[in-house]
């Protein structure tokens, strides 16, 4: 049996959440999947009414913890000289998110450096709030109705690398 992948965009549904007749696929499984996705989307949109105010509240708590730490928002950490990075190297701070650079600079033939890793930290006293906030934001990724800018929050950035930042 051959299988193939097909993508369809459904924009018209009945009030009962069914694909409208003009857009119905001849394959019932496709219609059912479109209807299931619509229900997921509507449920997520409904959760926004609860999640967004909570996220805004949490962001304010996290931001308040930075009040006296604004001069300490960026840190360069050379793991060649200082060893592997972990939160014990930055007392009072906790990493809540880690990202790796995807810069094209690392693709050059004359570059022998490893991609930089970025640890986003918050003061340890607001770790729970920051993790809850991040979970809410992650849940709504891809949801164009969730207003992420309203619940953005301060984070300390620790760049862990084997080279200075001027090469990125």
Protein backbone atom coordinates (compact mmCIF):
# COMPACT_ATOMS: atom_id res chain seq x y z
CA UNK A 1 0.00 0.00 0.00
CA UNK A 2 1.37 3.37 -0.98
CA UNK A 3 0.95 6.32 1.32
CA UNK A 4 1.27 9.96 0.47
CA UNK A 5 1.09 13.18 2.38
CA UNK A 6 -1.44 15.82 1.51
CA UNK A 7 -2.15 19.16 3.12
CA UNK A 8 -5.49 20.94 3.04
CA UNK A 9 -6.63 24.18 4.62
CA UNK A 10 -10.15 24.33 6.01
CA UNK A 11 -11.60 27.77 6.70
CA UNK A 12 -15.36 27.17 6.85
CA UNK A 13 -17.08 25.18 9.57
CA UNK A 14 -20.69 24.86 10.66
CA UNK A 15 -21.84 26.16 14.04
CA UNK A 16 -21.58 22.59 15.30
CA UNK A 17 -17.88 22.39 14.41
CA UNK A 18 -18.24 20.29 11.26
CA UNK A 19 -16.42 21.08 8.01
CA UNK A 20 -18.83 22.99 5.75
CA UNK A 21 -20.21 21.10 2.74
CA UNK A 22 -18.31 23.07 0.07
CA UNK A 23 -15.01 22.33 1.80
CA UNK A 24 -15.62 18.72 2.80
CA UNK A 25 -13.01 16.25 1.66
CA UNK A 26 -14.06 13.03 -0.03
CA UNK A 27 -12.07 11.28 2.71
CA UNK A 28 -13.98 11.24 5.98
CA UNK A 29 -10.78 10.76 7.99
CA UNK A 30 -9.55 14.13 6.66
CA UNK A 31 -12.78 15.86 7.70
CA UNK A 32 -12.60 14.28 11.15
CA UNK A 33 -9.02 15.46 11.61
CA UNK A 34 -9.95 19.02 10.56
CA UNK A 35 -12.84 19.01 13.02
CA UNK A 36 -10.61 17.65 15.80
CA UNK A 37 -8.02 20.37 15.13
CA UNK A 38 -10.75 23.03 15.22
CA UNK A 39 -11.90 21.77 18.64
CA UNK A 40 -8.29 21.85 19.92
CA UNK A 41 -7.90 25.41 18.65
CA UNK A 42 -11.17 26.58 20.20
CA UNK A 43 -10.26 24.98 23.54
CA UNK A 44 -6.86 26.68 23.53
CA UNK A 45 -8.48 30.00 22.65
CA UNK A 46 -10.88 29.59 25.59
CA UNK A 47 -7.95 28.89 27.92
CA UNK A 48 -6.36 32.18 26.85
CA UNK A 49 -9.01 34.02 28.89
CA UNK A 50 -7.59 32.43 32.04
CA UNK A 51 -3.96 31.99 31.01
CA UNK A 52 -3.18 35.51 29.75
CA UNK A 53 -4.14 37.39 32.96
CA UNK A 54 -2.18 34.81 35.00
CA UNK A 55 0.82 35.16 32.68
CA UNK A 56 0.75 38.96 32.98
CA UNK A 57 0.61 38.66 36.77
CA UNK A 58 3.55 36.22 36.82
CA UNK A 59 5.60 38.44 34.49
CA UNK A 60 5.17 41.36 36.90
CA UNK A 61 6.40 39.20 39.80
CA UNK A 62 9.47 38.07 37.83
CA UNK A 63 10.21 41.62 36.63
CA UNK A 64 9.97 42.93 40.20
CA UNK A 65 12.70 40.49 41.27
CA UNK A 66 15.04 42.19 38.77
CA UNK A 67 14.56 45.64 40.33
CA UNK A 68 18.02 45.72 41.92
CA UNK A 69 19.73 43.46 39.39
CA UNK A 70 19.46 45.47 36.17
CA UNK A 71 23.25 45.83 35.86
CA UNK A 72 23.63 42.05 35.87
CA UNK A 73 21.57 41.06 32.81
CA UNK A 74 24.32 39.69 30.53
CA UNK A 75 27.22 37.38 31.32
CA UNK A 76 29.87 35.86 29.04
CA UNK A 77 31.13 32.46 30.16
CA UNK A 78 34.12 30.80 28.46
CA UNK A 79 33.82 27.07 29.06
CA UNK A 80 37.30 26.39 27.65
CA UNK A 81 38.87 28.37 30.50
CA UNK A 82 36.19 27.98 33.16
CA UNK A 83 34.83 24.44 32.57
CA UNK A 84 31.26 23.33 31.95
CA UNK A 85 28.55 25.78 32.94
CA UNK A 86 25.81 25.05 35.45
CA UNK A 87 23.78 27.15 37.87
CA UNK A 88 26.33 26.65 40.66
CA UNK A 89 28.57 29.10 38.73
CA UNK A 90 25.99 31.86 39.19
CA UNK A 91 24.75 31.80 42.80
CA UNK A 92 21.34 33.42 43.27
CA UNK A 93 20.30 32.68 39.69
CA UNK A 94 18.56 29.69 38.10
CA UNK A 95 18.39 28.68 34.44
CA UNK A 96 14.85 28.31 33.14
CA UNK A 97 15.55 28.00 29.42
CA UNK A 98 18.51 26.98 27.24
CA UNK A 99 18.94 27.72 23.54
CA UNK A 100 21.73 26.95 21.10
CA UNK A 101 22.81 29.40 18.41
CA UNK A 102 21.86 28.51 14.85
CA UNK A 103 24.02 31.20 13.27
CA UNK A 104 25.29 30.54 9.73
CA UNK A 105 28.71 31.70 10.93
CA UNK A 106 29.38 28.20 12.27
CA UNK A 107 28.89 26.72 8.77
CA UNK A 108 32.02 28.42 7.39
CA UNK A 109 34.93 26.11 6.56
CA UNK A 110 37.38 28.23 8.52
CA UNK A 111 35.34 28.21 11.73
CA UNK A 112 36.22 25.51 14.24
CA UNK A 113 34.17 26.80 17.16
CA UNK A 114 31.17 25.14 18.72
CA UNK A 115 27.83 26.99 18.60
CA UNK A 116 27.17 29.26 21.55
CA UNK A 117 24.63 28.17 24.14
CA UNK A 118 22.43 30.71 25.86
CA UNK A 119 21.15 30.09 29.37
CA UNK A 120 18.25 32.34 30.32
CA UNK A 121 18.15 32.87 34.06
CA UNK A 122 15.94 34.48 36.66
CA UNK A 123 16.60 35.20 40.33
CA UNK A 124 16.22 31.99 42.30
CA UNK A 125 13.45 33.49 44.46
CA UNK A 126 11.09 33.65 41.45
CA UNK A 127 11.97 30.30 39.86
CA UNK A 128 8.48 28.80 40.37
CA UNK A 129 6.75 31.84 38.91
CA UNK A 130 9.08 31.93 35.91
CA UNK A 131 8.59 28.21 35.21
CA UNK A 132 4.80 28.55 35.44
CA UNK A 133 4.93 31.56 33.13
CA UNK A 134 7.11 29.70 30.68
CA UNK A 135 4.73 26.72 30.69
CA UNK A 136 1.82 29.02 29.83
CA UNK A 137 3.79 30.67 27.03
CA UNK A 138 4.90 27.28 25.65
CA UNK A 139 1.30 26.02 25.72
CA UNK A 140 0.20 28.94 23.53
CA UNK A 141 3.04 28.78 20.98
CA UNK A 142 1.53 28.96 17.53
CA UNK A 143 -1.61 30.61 18.92
CA UNK A 144 -1.90 33.92 17.11
CA UNK A 145 -4.55 35.15 19.57
CA UNK A 146 -2.27 34.95 22.63
CA UNK A 147 -0.64 38.34 23.29
CA UNK A 148 2.92 37.28 24.18
CA UNK A 149 4.21 40.86 24.39
CA UNK A 150 1.91 41.52 27.34
CA UNK A 151 3.51 38.78 29.42
CA UNK A 152 7.12 39.14 28.33
CA UNK A 153 9.50 39.16 31.26
CA UNK A 154 13.08 39.97 32.11
CA UNK A 155 15.68 37.25 31.86
CA UNK A 156 19.39 37.24 32.45
CA UNK A 157 21.32 35.93 29.45
CA UNK A 158 24.43 33.84 30.06
CA UNK A 159 26.30 33.14 26.84
CA UNK A 160 28.40 29.99 27.12
CA UNK A 161 30.94 29.68 24.32
CA UNK A 162 34.48 28.88 23.30
CA UNK A 163 34.92 32.17 21.42
CA UNK A 164 34.19 35.89 21.89
CA UNK A 165 30.80 37.17 20.78
CA UNK A 166 32.17 39.48 18.08
CA UNK A 167 32.45 36.50 15.71
CA UNK A 168 28.74 35.67 15.65
